[in-house]
Amino acid sequence: MATYRAIAATCEAIVSVLRQSWRPELFNDAPLTFQVYRTDNFTNPMTTGVSLFLYDVTINAVQRTPPGKLRPDGRRRRPELPLDLHFILTPWAREASLEQEILGWMMRTLEDFPLLGSGLLNTFGSGIFTEEESVEVLNGQLSREEMFRIWDVLPGDYRISMPYLARVVRIESELDTRSDGVVLIRDLGFGVVKD
């Protein structure tokens, strides 16, 4: 399972999918920038491109796994921490028409490549995800009011954005469960309850 670096690696992988899919001739040779944003980046945003802003991380209750799985070395592992990453992708351009073209292209690209494999996820750093792991990227569900609330707390003016969800990022514990020996004798002590 993935290490604690999985959240950052997933965000970078999504940006990498867009960067690798972009071709300059799509937008009349306009140079596009692709970047993971944090709140202060919205104060002085890029001129033309796509930003990814991670606004929430939640625990995926459906994918909770029980403890007790054995590692290859025989030690027991703790339960994985299954996370869903909630983010918005925002196209940036000086002209509204170019911004809308970038939006359409960005959405189509993520629809074409909804599954991020470990090869792509590990471009941020080796060994973050195991070989068999993947993360699914799909449209998020935000109401207009929720989207406006996000933009109320961000510096700058409202920009058209698209909510997305990356699921399930499973983070493995670095601690092993306690492993005691096998129980050989039961010694049950009984007491007397006094009135």
C-alpha atoms as a PDB file:
ATOM      1  CA  MET A   1       0.000   0.000   0.000  1.00  0.00           C
ATOM      2  CA  ALA A   2       1.007   3.609  -0.376  1.00  0.00           C
ATOM      3  CA  THR A   3       3.154   5.653   1.969  1.00  0.00           C
ATOM      4  CA  TYR A   4       2.211   8.935   3.638  1.00  0.00           C
ATOM      5  CA  ARG A   5       3.487  10.717   0.497  1.00  0.00           C
ATOM      6  CA  ALA A   6       0.521   9.358  -1.512  1.00  0.00           C
ATOM      7  CA  ILE A   7      -1.659  12.484  -1.276  1.00  0.00           C
ATOM      8  CA  ALA A   8       0.985  14.730  -2.818  1.00  0.00           C
ATOM      9  CA  ALA A   9       1.918  12.072  -5.386  1.00  0.00           C
ATOM     10  CA  THR A  10      -1.708  11.689  -6.501  1.00  0.00           C
ATOM     11  CA  CYS A  11      -2.160  15.445  -7.021  1.00  0.00           C
ATOM     12  CA  GLU A  12       1.096  15.632  -8.987  1.00  0.00           C
ATOM     13  CA  ALA A  13       0.072  12.600 -11.087  1.00  0.00           C
ATOM     14  CA  ILE A  14      -3.200  14.273 -12.110  1.00  0.00           C
ATOM     15  CA  VAL A  15      -1.318  17.405 -13.154  1.00  0.00           C
ATOM     16  CA  SER A  16       1.170  15.176 -14.986  1.00  0.00           C
ATOM     17  CA  VAL A  17      -1.641  13.490 -16.987  1.00  0.00           C
ATOM     18  CA  LEU A  18      -2.769  16.924 -18.205  1.00  0.00           C
ATOM     19  CA  ARG A  19       0.793  18.095 -18.911  1.00  0.00           C
ATOM     20  CA  GLN A  20       1.611  14.963 -20.927  1.00  0.00           C
ATOM     21  CA  SER A  21      -1.653  15.121 -22.896  1.00  0.00           C
ATOM     22  CA  TRP A  22      -1.313  18.791 -23.849  1.00  0.00           C
ATOM     23  CA  ARG A  23      -0.071  19.684 -27.307  1.00  0.00           C
ATOM     24  CA  PRO A  24       0.751  23.322 -28.152  1.00  0.00           C
ATOM     25  CA  GLU A  25      -1.150  23.229 -31.443  1.00  0.00           C
ATOM     26  CA  LEU A  26      -4.427  22.621 -29.571  1.00  0.00           C
ATOM     27  CA  PHE A  27      -4.610  26.244 -28.440  1.00  0.00           C
ATOM     28  CA  ASN A  28      -2.780  28.145 -31.210  1.00  0.00           C
ATOM     29  CA  ASP A  29       0.606  27.486 -29.587  1.00  0.00           C
ATOM     30  CA  ALA A  30      -0.439  29.156 -26.322  1.00  0.00           C
ATOM     31  CA  PRO A  31       1.997  27.997 -23.597  1.00  0.00           C
ATOM     32  CA  LEU A  32       0.069  26.274 -20.810  1.00  0.00           C
ATOM     33  CA  THR A  33       1.247  25.870 -17.226  1.00  0.00           C
ATOM     34  CA  PHE A  34       0.074  22.962 -15.049  1.00  0.00           C
ATOM     35  CA  GLN A  35       0.453  23.325 -11.308  1.00  0.00           C
ATOM     36  CA  VAL A  36      -0.812  22.133  -7.932  1.00  0.00           C
ATOM     37  CA  TYR A  37      -2.051  25.222  -6.064  1.00  0.00           C
ATOM     38  CA  ARG A  38      -2.420  26.144  -2.458  1.00  0.00           C
ATOM     39  CA  THR A  39      -4.484  29.065  -1.231  1.00  0.00           C
ATOM     40  CA  ASP A  40      -1.844  31.779  -1.586  1.00  0.00           C
ATOM     41  CA  ASN A  41      -1.219  30.863  -5.251  1.00  0.00           C
ATOM     42  CA  PHE A  42      -4.620  32.360  -6.089  1.00  0.00           C
ATOM     43  CA  THR A  43      -3.298  35.815  -5.122  1.00  0.00           C
ATOM     44  CA  ASN A  44      -0.993  35.847  -8.142  1.00  0.00           C
ATOM     45  CA  PRO A  45      -2.286  33.069 -10.457  1.00  0.00           C
ATOM     46  CA  MET A  46      -0.783  31.776 -13.682  1.00  0.00           C
ATOM     47  CA  THR A  47      -1.598  33.485 -16.955  1.00  0.00           C
ATOM     48  CA  THR A  48      -2.600  30.447 -19.006  1.00  0.00           C
ATOM     49  CA  GLY A  49      -2.971  26.882 -17.838  1.00  0.00           C
ATOM     50  CA  VAL A  50      -4.671  24.593 -15.334  1.00  0.00           C
ATOM     51  CA  SER A  51      -4.414  24.567 -11.550  1.00  0.00           C
ATOM     52  CA  LEU A  52      -5.347  21.773  -9.170  1.00  0.00           C
ATOM     53  CA  PHE A  53      -6.494  22.876  -5.715  1.00  0.00           C
ATOM     54  CA  LEU A  54      -7.010  20.172  -3.075  1.00  0.00           C
ATOM     55  CA  TYR A  55      -9.753  21.538  -0.835  1.00  0.00           C
ATOM     56  CA  ASP A  56     -10.732  18.472   1.218  1.00  0.00           C
ATOM     57  CA  VAL A  57      -9.571  14.982   2.196  1.00  0.00           C
ATOM     58  CA  THR A  58     -12.055  12.487   3.641  1.00  0.00           C
ATOM     59  CA  ILE A  59     -11.828   8.934   4.911  1.00  0.00           C
ATOM     60  CA  ASN A  60     -13.570   6.479   2.603  1.00  0.00           C
ATOM     61  CA  ALA A  61     -15.789   4.482   4.974  1.00  0.00           C
ATOM     62  CA  VAL A  62     -16.723   1.908   2.316  1.00  0.00           C
ATOM     63  CA  GLN A  63     -13.124   0.798   1.729  1.00  0.00           C
ATOM     64  CA  ARG A  64     -12.143   0.294   5.374  1.00  0.00           C
ATOM     65  CA  THR A  65     -10.168  -2.933   5.708  1.00  0.00           C
ATOM     66  CA  PRO A  66      -9.986  -5.109   8.810  1.00  0.00           C
ATOM     67  CA  PRO A  67      -6.615  -5.578  10.516  1.00  0.00           C
ATOM     68  CA  GLY A  68      -4.698  -8.774  10.340  1.00  0.00           C
ATOM     69  CA  LYS A  69      -3.296  -9.016   6.817  1.00  0.00           C
ATOM     70  CA  LEU A  70       0.144 -10.566   6.747  1.00  0.00           C
ATOM     71  CA  ARG A  71       3.080  -8.880   5.050  1.00  0.00           C
ATOM     72  CA  PRO A  72       5.460 -10.962   2.942  1.00  0.00           C
ATOM     73  CA  ASP A  73       7.907 -11.027   5.883  1.00  0.00           C
ATOM     74  CA  GLY A  74       5.264 -12.581   8.192  1.00  0.00           C
ATOM     75  CA  ARG A  75       4.532  -9.483  10.278  1.00  0.00           C
ATOM     76  CA  ARG A  76       0.940  -8.315  10.647  1.00  0.00           C
ATOM     77  CA  ARG A  77       0.009  -4.962   9.237  1.00  0.00           C
ATOM     78  CA  ARG A  78      -2.304  -2.362  10.704  1.00  0.00           C
ATOM     79  CA  PRO A  79      -5.457  -1.385   8.786  1.00  0.00           C
ATOM     80  CA  GLU A  80      -4.945   0.847   5.769  1.00  0.00           C
ATOM     81  CA  LEU A  81      -6.181   4.431   5.845  1.00  0.00           C
ATOM     82  CA  PRO A  82      -8.440   4.772   2.740  1.00  0.00           C
ATOM     83  CA  LEU A  83      -8.740   8.393   1.623  1.00  0.00           C
ATOM     84  CA  ASP A  84     -10.743  10.298  -0.964  1.00  0.00           C
ATOM     85  CA  LEU A  85      -9.136  13.491  -2.292  1.00  0.00           C
ATOM     86  CA  HIS A  86     -11.520  16.303  -3.259  1.00  0.00           C
ATOM     87  CA  PHE A  87     -10.111  18.953  -5.571  1.00  0.00           C
ATOM     88  CA  ILE A  88     -11.068  21.516  -8.161  1.00  0.00           C
ATOM     89  CA  LEU A  89      -9.393  22.035 -11.518  1.00  0.00           C
ATOM     90  CA  THR A  90      -9.421  25.602 -12.757  1.00  0.00           C
ATOM     91  CA  PRO A  91      -8.545  26.696 -16.305  1.00  0.00           C
ATOM     92  CA  TRP A  92      -6.720  30.041 -16.598  1.00  0.00           C
ATOM     93  CA  ALA A  93      -6.511  32.333 -19.623  1.00  0.00           C
ATOM     94  CA  ARG A  94      -6.771  36.032 -20.459  1.00  0.00           C
ATOM     95  CA  GLU A  95      -9.662  35.463 -22.896  1.00  0.00           C
ATOM     96  CA  ALA A  96     -12.911  33.770 -21.859  1.00  0.00           C
ATOM     97  CA  SER A  97     -13.046  31.670 -25.033  1.00  0.00           C
ATOM     98  CA  LEU A  98      -9.558  30.224 -24.482  1.00  0.00           C
ATOM     99  CA  GLU A  99     -10.399  29.526 -20.833  1.00  0.00           C
ATOM    100  CA  GLN A 100     -13.505  27.630 -21.938  1.00  0.00           C
ATOM    101  CA  GLU A 101     -11.537  25.673 -24.550  1.00  0.00           C
ATOM    102  CA  ILE A 102      -9.012  24.653 -21.890  1.00  0.00           C
ATOM    103  CA  LEU A 103     -11.901  23.631 -19.614  1.00  0.00           C
ATOM    104  CA  GLY A 104     -13.412  21.369 -22.278  1.00  0.00           C
ATOM    105  CA  TRP A 105     -10.052  19.834 -23.167  1.00  0.00           C
ATOM    106  CA  MET A 106      -9.153  19.285 -19.489  1.00  0.00           C
ATOM    107  CA  MET A 107     -12.459  17.547 -18.748  1.00  0.00           C
ATOM    108  CA  ARG A 108     -12.230  15.336 -21.856  1.00  0.00           C
ATOM    109  CA  THR A 109      -8.642  14.372 -20.995  1.00  0.00           C
ATOM    110  CA  LEU A 110      -9.537  13.225 -17.481  1.00  0.00           C
ATOM    111  CA  GLU A 111     -12.547  11.344 -18.864  1.00  0.00           C
ATOM    112  CA  ASP A 112     -10.168   9.532 -21.243  1.00  0.00           C
ATOM    113  CA  PHE A 113      -7.641   8.698 -18.497  1.00  0.00           C
ATOM    114  CA  PRO A 114      -9.675   8.069 -15.312  1.00  0.00           C
ATOM    115  CA  LEU A 115      -7.332   5.468 -13.816  1.00  0.00           C
ATOM    116  CA  LEU A 116      -3.875   6.425 -12.555  1.00  0.00           C
ATOM    117  CA  GLY A 117      -1.545   3.436 -12.374  1.00  0.00           C
ATOM    118  CA  SER A 118       1.439   3.062 -10.069  1.00  0.00           C
ATOM    119  CA  GLY A 119       3.877   3.974 -12.857  1.00  0.00           C
ATOM    120  CA  LEU A 120       2.336   7.429 -13.119  1.00  0.00           C
ATOM    121  CA  LEU A 121       1.669   7.789  -9.384  1.00  0.00           C
ATOM    122  CA  ASN A 122       5.320   7.042  -8.588  1.00  0.00           C
ATOM    123  CA  THR A 123       6.733   9.775 -10.851  1.00  0.00           C
ATOM    124  CA  PHE A 124       6.652  12.088  -7.799  1.00  0.00           C
ATOM    125  CA  GLY A 125       8.992   9.664  -6.018  1.00  0.00           C
ATOM    126  CA  SER A 126       9.803   5.980  -6.246  1.00  0.00           C
ATOM    127  CA  GLY A 127       8.200   3.456  -3.939  1.00  0.00           C
ATOM    128  CA  ILE A 128       5.234   5.582  -2.874  1.00  0.00           C
ATOM    129  CA  PHE A 129       2.668   3.190  -4.374  1.00  0.00           C
ATOM    130  CA  THR A 130       3.048  -0.557  -4.831  1.00  0.00           C
ATOM    131  CA  GLU A 131       2.996  -1.971  -8.343  1.00  0.00           C
ATOM    132  CA  GLU A 132      -0.608  -3.230  -8.196  1.00  0.00           C
ATOM    133  CA  GLU A 133      -2.112   0.009  -6.856  1.00  0.00           C
ATOM    134  CA  SER A 134      -4.142   2.559  -8.790  1.00  0.00           C
ATOM    135  CA  VAL A 135      -6.299   5.608  -8.061  1.00  0.00           C
ATOM    136  CA  GLU A 136      -9.531   6.472  -9.865  1.00  0.00           C
ATOM    137  CA  VAL A 137     -10.302  10.080 -10.856  1.00  0.00           C
ATOM    138  CA  LEU A 138     -13.951  10.979 -11.375  1.00  0.00           C
ATOM    139  CA  ASN A 139     -16.243  13.990 -11.389  1.00  0.00           C
ATOM    140  CA  GLY A 140     -16.935  15.402  -7.944  1.00  0.00           C
ATOM    141  CA  GLN A 141     -20.323  16.430  -6.662  1.00  0.00           C
ATOM    142  CA  LEU A 142     -20.442  20.048  -5.514  1.00  0.00           C
ATOM    143  CA  SER A 143     -23.510  22.223  -5.556  1.00  0.00           C
ATOM    144  CA  ARG A 144     -23.216  25.774  -6.871  1.00  0.00           C
ATOM    145  CA  GLU A 145     -23.451  27.040  -3.316  1.00  0.00           C
ATOM    146  CA  GLU A 146     -20.565  24.795  -2.178  1.00  0.00           C
ATOM    147  CA  MET A 147     -18.451  25.905  -5.127  1.00  0.00           C
ATOM    148  CA  PHE A 148     -19.169  29.568  -4.359  1.00  0.00           C
ATOM    149  CA  ARG A 149     -18.186  28.968  -0.723  1.00  0.00           C
ATOM    150  CA  ILE A 150     -14.815  27.613  -1.807  1.00  0.00           C
ATOM    151  CA  TRP A 151     -14.240  30.714  -3.914  1.00  0.00           C
ATOM    152  CA  ASP A 152     -15.393  32.950  -1.045  1.00  0.00           C
ATOM    153  CA  VAL A 153     -12.411  31.839   1.035  1.00  0.00           C
ATOM    154  CA  LEU A 154      -9.897  31.884  -1.830  1.00  0.00           C
ATOM    155  CA  PRO A 155      -8.169  35.156  -2.659  1.00  0.00           C
ATOM    156  CA  GLY A 156      -9.133  36.621  -6.015  1.00  0.00           C
ATOM    157  CA  ASP A 157     -12.298  36.551  -8.055  1.00  0.00           C
ATOM    158  CA  TYR A 158     -14.463  33.559  -8.919  1.00  0.00           C
ATOM    159  CA  ARG A 159     -13.242  31.420 -11.822  1.00  0.00           C
ATOM    160  CA  ILE A 160     -15.085  28.642 -13.600  1.00  0.00           C
ATOM    161  CA  SER A 161     -13.846  25.370 -12.076  1.00  0.00           C
ATOM    162  CA  MET A 162     -14.651  21.687 -12.153  1.00  0.00           C
ATOM    163  CA  PRO A 163     -14.802  19.523  -9.000  1.00  0.00           C
ATOM    164  CA  TYR A 164     -13.134  16.114  -9.070  1.00  0.00           C
ATOM    165  CA  LEU A 165     -12.556  13.225  -6.706  1.00  0.00           C
ATOM    166  CA  ALA A 166      -9.532  10.905  -6.538  1.00  0.00           C
ATOM    167  CA  ARG A 167     -10.395   7.636  -4.813  1.00  0.00           C
ATOM    168  CA  VAL A 168      -9.211   5.457  -3.034  1.00  0.00           C
ATOM    169  CA  VAL A 169      -5.740   6.443  -1.856  1.00  0.00           C
ATOM    170  CA  ARG A 170      -4.775   3.762   0.674  1.00  0.00           C
ATOM    171  CA  ILE A 171      -2.065   4.790   3.112  1.00  0.00           C
ATOM    172  CA  GLU A 172      -0.295   2.023   4.979  1.00  0.00           C
ATOM    173  CA  SER A 173       0.900   2.356   8.560  1.00  0.00           C
ATOM    174  CA  GLU A 174       4.607   2.216   9.247  1.00  0.00           C
ATOM    175  CA  LEU A 175       3.907   0.431  12.544  1.00  0.00           C
ATOM    176  CA  ASP A 176       3.285  -3.271  12.959  1.00  0.00           C
ATOM    177  CA  THR A 177       0.546  -4.666  15.146  1.00  0.00           C
ATOM    178  CA  ARG A 178       1.695  -6.150  18.401  1.00  0.00           C
ATOM    179  CA  SER A 179       2.484  -9.794  17.972  1.00  0.00           C
ATOM    180  CA  ASP A 180       2.321 -11.884  21.133  1.00  0.00           C
ATOM    181  CA  GLY A 181       2.857 -15.608  21.350  1.00  0.00           C
ATOM    182  CA  VAL A 182       0.208 -18.278  21.013  1.00  0.00           C
ATOM    183  CA  VAL A 183      -2.085 -18.781  24.036  1.00  0.00           C
ATOM    184  CA  LEU A 184      -1.241 -22.161  25.608  1.00  0.00           C
ATOM    185  CA  ILE A 185      -3.062 -22.028  28.978  1.00  0.00           C
ATOM    186  CA  ARG A 186      -6.245 -20.284  30.025  1.00  0.00           C
ATOM    187  CA  ASP A 187      -6.287 -19.133  33.583  1.00  0.00           C
ATOM    188  CA  LEU A 188      -9.705 -17.749  34.416  1.00  0.00           C
ATOM    189  CA  GLY A 189     -10.070 -16.181  37.823  1.00  0.00           C
ATOM    190  CA  PHE A 190     -13.514 -16.054  39.376  1.00  0.00           C
ATOM    191  CA  GLY A 191     -14.584 -13.732  42.165  1.00  0.00           C
ATOM    192  CA  VAL A 192     -17.496 -13.509  44.520  1.00  0.00           C
ATOM    193  CA  VAL A 193     -19.880 -10.566  44.376  1.00  0.00           C
ATOM    194  CA  LYS A 194     -20.698  -9.287  47.831  1.00  0.00           C
ATOM    195  CA  ASP A 195     -24.084  -7.824  48.667  1.00  0.00           C
END
